[in-house]
């Protein structure tokens, strides 16, 4: 697997030349969040959409 640094460089290289700093930062942040999601999945830390909706309903009833 590529390092976070290499992935970030690849993201930046894929963006148009006139990309703003804010867009670059957003894209790198998005990539980092996706990677965190993959790590959570590997650790079994995710719940299904059905379970999420069930929990939301329970919160609303309080």
PDB file of N, CA and C in Angstrom:
ATOM      1  N   UNK A   1       0.845  -1.187   0.000  1.00  0.00           N
ATOM      2  CA  UNK A   1       0.000   0.000   0.000  1.00  0.00           C
ATOM      3  C   UNK A   1       0.888   1.247   0.000  1.00  0.00           C
ATOM      4  N   UNK A   2       0.452   2.252  -0.705  1.00  0.00           N
ATOM      5  CA  UNK A   2       1.199   3.508  -0.773  1.00  0.00           C
ATOM      6  C   UNK A   2       1.137   4.248   0.555  1.00  0.00           C
ATOM      7  N   UNK A   3       2.149   5.073   0.770  1.00  0.00           N
ATOM      8  CA  UNK A   3       2.145   5.899   1.970  1.00  0.00           C
ATOM      9  C   UNK A   3       1.153   7.045   1.796  1.00  0.00           C
ATOM     10  N   UNK A   4       0.757   7.635   2.913  1.00  0.00           N
ATOM     11  CA  UNK A   4      -0.157   8.775   2.872  1.00  0.00           C
ATOM     12  C   UNK A   4       0.459   9.914   2.065  1.00  0.00           C
ATOM     13  N   UNK A   5       1.754  10.092   2.209  1.00  0.00           N
ATOM     14  CA  UNK A   5       2.447  11.139   1.457  1.00  0.00           C
ATOM     15  C   UNK A   5       2.333  10.898  -0.047  1.00  0.00           C
ATOM     16  N   UNK A   6       2.608   9.670  -0.482  1.00  0.00           N
ATOM     17  CA  UNK A   6       2.524   9.358  -1.914  1.00  0.00           C
ATOM     18  C   UNK A   6       1.098   9.474  -2.436  1.00  0.00           C
ATOM     19  N   UNK A   7       0.129   9.033  -1.640  1.00  0.00           N
ATOM     20  CA  UNK A   7      -1.265   9.165  -2.052  1.00  0.00           C
ATOM     21  C   UNK A   7      -1.646  10.637  -2.194  1.00  0.00           C
ATOM     22  N   UNK A   8      -1.183  11.461  -1.257  1.00  0.00           N
ATOM     23  CA  UNK A   8      -1.468  12.897  -1.315  1.00  0.00           C
ATOM     24  C   UNK A   8      -0.860  13.525  -2.565  1.00  0.00           C
ATOM     25  N   UNK A   9       0.366  13.150  -2.862  1.00  0.00           N
ATOM     26  CA  UNK A   9       1.036  13.667  -4.067  1.00  0.00           C
ATOM     27  C   UNK A   9       0.256  13.269  -5.309  1.00  0.00           C
ATOM     28  N   UNK A  10      -0.208  12.034  -5.363  1.00  0.00           N
ATOM     29  CA  UNK A  10      -0.990  11.571  -6.520  1.00  0.00           C
ATOM     30  C   UNK A  10      -2.299  12.340  -6.654  1.00  0.00           C
ATOM     31  N   UNK A  11      -2.935  12.622  -5.523  1.00  0.00           N
ATOM     32  CA  UNK A  11      -4.177  13.409  -5.552  1.00  0.00           C
ATOM     33  C   UNK A  11      -3.890  14.784  -6.131  1.00  0.00           C
ATOM     34  N   UNK A  12      -2.840  15.424  -5.639  1.00  0.00           N
ATOM     35  CA  UNK A  12      -2.495  16.768  -6.113  1.00  0.00           C
ATOM     36  C   UNK A  12      -2.175  16.743  -7.602  1.00  0.00           C
ATOM     37  N   UNK A  13      -1.429  15.745  -8.040  1.00  0.00           N
ATOM     38  CA  UNK A  13      -1.065  15.650  -9.464  1.00  0.00           C
ATOM     39  C   UNK A  13      -2.288  15.451 -10.356  1.00  0.00           C
ATOM     40  N   UNK A  14      -3.334  14.843  -9.808  1.00  0.00           N
ATOM     41  CA  UNK A  14      -4.527  14.579 -10.618  1.00  0.00           C
ATOM     42  C   UNK A  14      -5.431  15.798 -10.769  1.00  0.00           C
ATOM     43  N   UNK A  15      -5.175  16.840  -9.978  1.00  0.00           N
ATOM     44  CA  UNK A  15      -6.018  18.036 -10.020  1.00  0.00           C
ATOM     45  C   UNK A  15      -5.570  18.989 -11.117  1.00  0.00           C
ATOM     46  N   UNK A  16      -6.489  19.807 -11.628  1.00  0.00           N
ATOM     47  CA  UNK A  16      -6.122  20.794 -12.651  1.00  0.00           C
ATOM     48  C   UNK A  16      -5.104  21.802 -12.104  1.00  0.00           C
ATOM     49  N   UNK A  17      -4.338  22.400 -12.998  1.00  0.00           N
ATOM     50  CA  UNK A  17      -3.298  23.353 -12.610  1.00  0.00           C
ATOM     51  C   UNK A  17      -3.841  24.555 -11.836  1.00  0.00           C
ATOM     52  N   UNK A  18      -5.054  24.963 -12.123  1.00  0.00           N
ATOM     53  CA  UNK A  18      -5.606  26.162 -11.485  1.00  0.00           C
ATOM     54  C   UNK A  18      -6.413  25.852 -10.216  1.00  0.00           C
ATOM     55  N   UNK A  19      -6.196  24.687  -9.629  1.00  0.00           N
ATOM     56  CA  UNK A  19      -6.914  24.286  -8.427  1.00  0.00           C
ATOM     57  C   UNK A  19      -6.517  25.181  -7.252  1.00  0.00           C
ATOM     58  N   UNK A  20      -7.498  25.568  -6.464  1.00  0.00           N
ATOM     59  CA  UNK A  20      -7.233  26.418  -5.305  1.00  0.00           C
ATOM     60  C   UNK A  20      -6.636  25.583  -4.165  1.00  0.00           C
ATOM     61  N   UNK A  21      -5.992  26.277  -3.252  1.00  0.00           N
ATOM     62  CA  UNK A  21      -5.435  25.609  -2.079  1.00  0.00           C
ATOM     63  C   UNK A  21      -6.541  24.944  -1.271  1.00  0.00           C
ATOM     64  N   UNK A  22      -7.682  25.593  -1.178  1.00  0.00           N
ATOM     65  CA  UNK A  22      -8.803  25.025  -0.433  1.00  0.00           C
ATOM     66  C   UNK A  22      -9.262  23.704  -1.044  1.00  0.00           C
ATOM     67  N   UNK A  23      -9.309  23.640  -2.377  1.00  0.00           N
ATOM     68  CA  UNK A  23      -9.727  22.402  -3.049  1.00  0.00           C
ATOM     69  C   UNK A  23      -8.688  21.300  -2.842  1.00  0.00           C
ATOM     70  N   UNK A  24      -7.420  21.654  -2.890  1.00  0.00           N
ATOM     71  CA  UNK A  24      -6.357  20.673  -2.643  1.00  0.00           C
ATOM     72  C   UNK A  24      -6.501  20.106  -1.233  1.00  0.00           C
ATOM     73  N   UNK A  25      -6.684  20.989  -0.272  1.00  0.00           N
ATOM     74  CA  UNK A  25      -6.827  20.553   1.116  1.00  0.00           C
ATOM     75  C   UNK A  25      -8.064  19.682   1.289  1.00  0.00           C
ATOM     76  N   UNK A  26      -9.159  20.057   0.629  1.00  0.00           N
ATOM     77  CA  UNK A  26     -10.393  19.270   0.709  1.00  0.00           C
ATOM     78  C   UNK A  26     -10.169  17.866   0.153  1.00  0.00           C
ATOM     79  N   UNK A  27      -9.529  17.779  -1.004  1.00  0.00           N
ATOM     80  CA  UNK A  27      -9.311  16.481  -1.643  1.00  0.00           C
ATOM     81  C   UNK A  27      -8.409  15.578  -0.800  1.00  0.00           C
ATOM     82  N   UNK A  28      -7.377  16.147  -0.200  1.00  0.00           N
ATOM     83  CA  UNK A  28      -6.482  15.355   0.649  1.00  0.00           C
ATOM     84  C   UNK A  28      -7.231  14.908   1.903  1.00  0.00           C
ATOM     85  N   UNK A  29      -8.019  15.805   2.485  1.00  0.00           N
ATOM     86  CA  UNK A  29      -8.810  15.453   3.668  1.00  0.00           C
ATOM     87  C   UNK A  29      -9.804  14.337   3.335  1.00  0.00           C
ATOM     88  N   UNK A  30     -10.466  14.448   2.199  1.00  0.00           N
ATOM     89  CA  UNK A  30     -11.421  13.426   1.771  1.00  0.00           C
ATOM     90  C   UNK A  30     -10.732  12.070   1.635  1.00  0.00           C
ATOM     91  N   UNK A  31      -9.566  12.056   0.995  1.00  0.00           N
ATOM     92  CA  UNK A  31      -8.818  10.814   0.821  1.00  0.00           C
ATOM     93  C   UNK A  31      -8.453  10.222   2.187  1.00  0.00           C
ATOM     94  N   UNK A  32      -8.015  11.067   3.116  1.00  0.00           N
ATOM     95  CA  UNK A  32      -7.651  10.597   4.451  1.00  0.00           C
ATOM     96  C   UNK A  32      -8.860   9.993   5.172  1.00  0.00           C
ATOM     97  N   UNK A  33     -10.021  10.617   5.025  1.00  0.00           N
ATOM     98  CA  UNK A  33     -11.240  10.105   5.651  1.00  0.00           C
ATOM     99  C   UNK A  33     -11.628   8.751   5.072  1.00  0.00           C
ATOM    100  N   UNK A  34     -11.491   8.600   3.775  1.00  0.00           N
ATOM    101  CA  UNK A  34     -11.802   7.316   3.128  1.00  0.00           C
ATOM    102  C   UNK A  34     -10.856   6.236   3.647  1.00  0.00           C
ATOM    103  N   UNK A  35      -9.578   6.562   3.764  1.00  0.00           N
ATOM    104  CA  UNK A  35      -8.608   5.601   4.293  1.00  0.00           C
ATOM    105  C   UNK A  35      -8.938   5.210   5.732  1.00  0.00           C
ATOM    106  N   UNK A  36      -9.361   6.176   6.532  1.00  0.00           N
ATOM    107  CA  UNK A  36      -9.786   5.879   7.906  1.00  0.00           C
ATOM    108  C   UNK A  36     -10.982   4.936   7.903  1.00  0.00           C
ATOM    109  N   UNK A  37     -11.896   5.147   6.976  1.00  0.00           N
ATOM    110  CA  UNK A  37     -13.050   4.258   6.853  1.00  0.00           C
ATOM    111  C   UNK A  37     -12.636   2.836   6.524  1.00  0.00           C
ATOM    112  N   UNK A  38     -11.650   2.697   5.636  1.00  0.00           N
ATOM    113  CA  UNK A  38     -11.143   1.360   5.304  1.00  0.00           C
ATOM    114  C   UNK A  38     -10.518   0.699   6.522  1.00  0.00           C
ATOM    115  N   UNK A  39      -9.770   1.472   7.324  1.00  0.00           N
ATOM    116  CA  UNK A  39      -9.163   0.926   8.539  1.00  0.00           C
ATOM    117  C   UNK A  39     -10.244   0.492   9.522  1.00  0.00           C
ATOM    118  N   UNK A  40     -11.280   1.316   9.666  1.00  0.00           N
ATOM    119  CA  UNK A  40     -12.386   0.968  10.566  1.00  0.00           C
ATOM    120  C   UNK A  40     -13.064  -0.310  10.108  1.00  0.00           C
ATOM    121  N   UNK A  41     -13.217  -0.456   8.797  1.00  0.00           N
ATOM    122  CA  UNK A  41     -13.841  -1.667   8.263  1.00  0.00           C
ATOM    123  C   UNK A  41     -13.012  -2.896   8.611  1.00  0.00           C
ATOM    124  N   UNK A  42     -11.699  -2.790   8.452  1.00  0.00           N
ATOM    125  CA  UNK A  42     -10.815  -3.909   8.768  1.00  0.00           C
ATOM    126  C   UNK A  42     -10.900  -4.291  10.243  1.00  0.00           C
ATOM    127  N   UNK A  43     -11.132  -3.307  11.104  1.00  0.00           N
ATOM    128  CA  UNK A  43     -11.213  -3.546  12.543  1.00  0.00           C
ATOM    129  C   UNK A  43     -12.617  -3.947  12.990  1.00  0.00           C
ATOM    130  N   UNK A  44     -13.555  -3.987  12.042  1.00  0.00           N
ATOM    131  CA  UNK A  44     -14.922  -4.359  12.385  1.00  0.00           C
ATOM    132  C   UNK A  44     -15.674  -3.273  13.124  1.00  0.00           C
ATOM    133  N   UNK A  45     -15.294  -2.022  12.910  1.00  0.00           N
ATOM    134  CA  UNK A  45     -15.895  -0.909  13.640  1.00  0.00           C
ATOM    135  C   UNK A  45     -17.088  -0.283  12.920  1.00  0.00           C
ATOM    136  N   UNK A  46     -17.568  -0.889  11.863  1.00  0.00           N
ATOM    137  CA  UNK A  46     -18.665  -0.308  11.097  1.00  0.00           C
ATOM    138  C   UNK A  46     -19.985  -0.954  11.481  1.00  0.00           C
ATOM    139  N   UNK A  47     -21.066  -0.212  11.239  1.00  0.00           N
ATOM    140  CA  UNK A  47     -22.409  -0.758  11.419  1.00  0.00           C
ATOM    141  C   UNK A  47     -23.151  -0.630  10.091  1.00  0.00           C
ATOM    142  N   UNK A  48     -24.167  -1.430   9.926  1.00  0.00           N
ATOM    143  CA  UNK A  48     -24.939  -1.399   8.689  1.00  0.00           C
ATOM    144  C   UNK A  48     -25.830  -0.157   8.651  1.00  0.00           C
ATOM    145  N   UNK A  49     -26.297   0.175   7.472  1.00  0.00           N
ATOM    146  CA  UNK A  49     -27.224   1.296   7.310  1.00  0.00           C
ATOM    147  C   UNK A  49     -28.500   1.032   8.102  1.00  0.00           C
ATOM    148  N   UNK A  50     -28.956  -0.205   8.070  1.00  0.00           N
ATOM    149  CA  UNK A  50     -30.165  -0.575   8.813  1.00  0.00           C
ATOM    150  C   UNK A  50     -29.972  -0.317  10.307  1.00  0.00           C
ATOM    151  N   UNK A  51     -28.823  -0.722  10.842  1.00  0.00           N
ATOM    152  CA  UNK A  51     -28.546  -0.500  12.260  1.00  0.00           C
ATOM    153  C   UNK A  51     -28.452   0.992  12.566  1.00  0.00           C
ATOM    154  N   UNK A  52     -27.836   1.764  11.679  1.00  0.00           N
ATOM    155  CA  UNK A  52     -27.727   3.203  11.868  1.00  0.00           C
ATOM    156  C   UNK A  52     -29.104   3.847  11.933  1.00  0.00           C
ATOM    157  N   UNK A  53     -29.984   3.499  11.001  1.00  0.00           N
ATOM    158  CA  UNK A  53     -31.333   4.060  10.988  1.00  0.00           C
ATOM    159  C   UNK A  53     -32.112   3.678  12.241  1.00  0.00           C
ATOM    160  N   UNK A  54     -31.901   2.452  12.692  1.00  0.00           N
ATOM    161  CA  UNK A  54     -32.550   1.986  13.919  1.00  0.00           C
ATOM    162  C   UNK A  54     -32.087   2.829  15.117  1.00  0.00           C
ATOM    163  N   UNK A  55     -30.791   3.101  15.196  1.00  0.00           N
ATOM    164  CA  UNK A  55     -30.254   3.909  16.299  1.00  0.00           C
ATOM    165  C   UNK A  55     -30.768   5.350  16.239  1.00  0.00           C
ATOM    166  N   UNK A  56     -30.867   5.886  15.046  1.00  0.00           N
ATOM    167  CA  UNK A  56     -31.390   7.250  14.893  1.00  0.00           C
ATOM    168  C   UNK A  56     -32.822   7.318  15.392  1.00  0.00           C
ATOM    169  N   UNK A  57     -33.628   6.335  15.034  1.00  0.00           N
ATOM    170  CA  UNK A  57     -35.013   6.291  15.524  1.00  0.00           C
ATOM    171  C   UNK A  57     -35.062   6.240  17.040  1.00  0.00           C
ATOM    172  N   UNK A  58     -34.173   5.463  17.643  1.00  0.00           N
ATOM    173  CA  UNK A  58     -34.128   5.361  19.103  1.00  0.00           C
ATOM    174  C   UNK A  58     -33.748   6.706  19.722  1.00  0.00           C
ATOM    175  N   UNK A  59     -32.807   7.410  19.123  1.00  0.00           N
ATOM    176  CA  UNK A  59     -32.379   8.723  19.636  1.00  0.00           C
ATOM    177  C   UNK A  59     -33.532   9.730  19.557  1.00  0.00           C
ATOM    178  N   UNK A  60     -34.278   9.675  18.472  1.00  0.00           N
ATOM    179  CA  UNK A  60     -35.377  10.612  18.288  1.00  0.00           C
ATOM    180  C   UNK A  60     -36.498  10.380  19.292  1.00  0.00           C
ATOM    181  N   UNK A  61     -36.658   9.166  19.750  1.00  0.00           N
ATOM    182  CA  UNK A  61     -37.735   8.831  20.693  1.00  0.00           C
ATOM    183  C   UNK A  61     -37.409   9.227  22.117  1.00  0.00           C
ATOM    184  N   UNK A  62     -36.196   9.629  22.363  1.00  0.00           N
ATOM    185  CA  UNK A  62     -35.814  10.028  23.738  1.00  0.00           C
ATOM    186  C   UNK A  62     -36.306  11.382  24.081  1.00  0.00           C
TER     187      UNK A  62
END
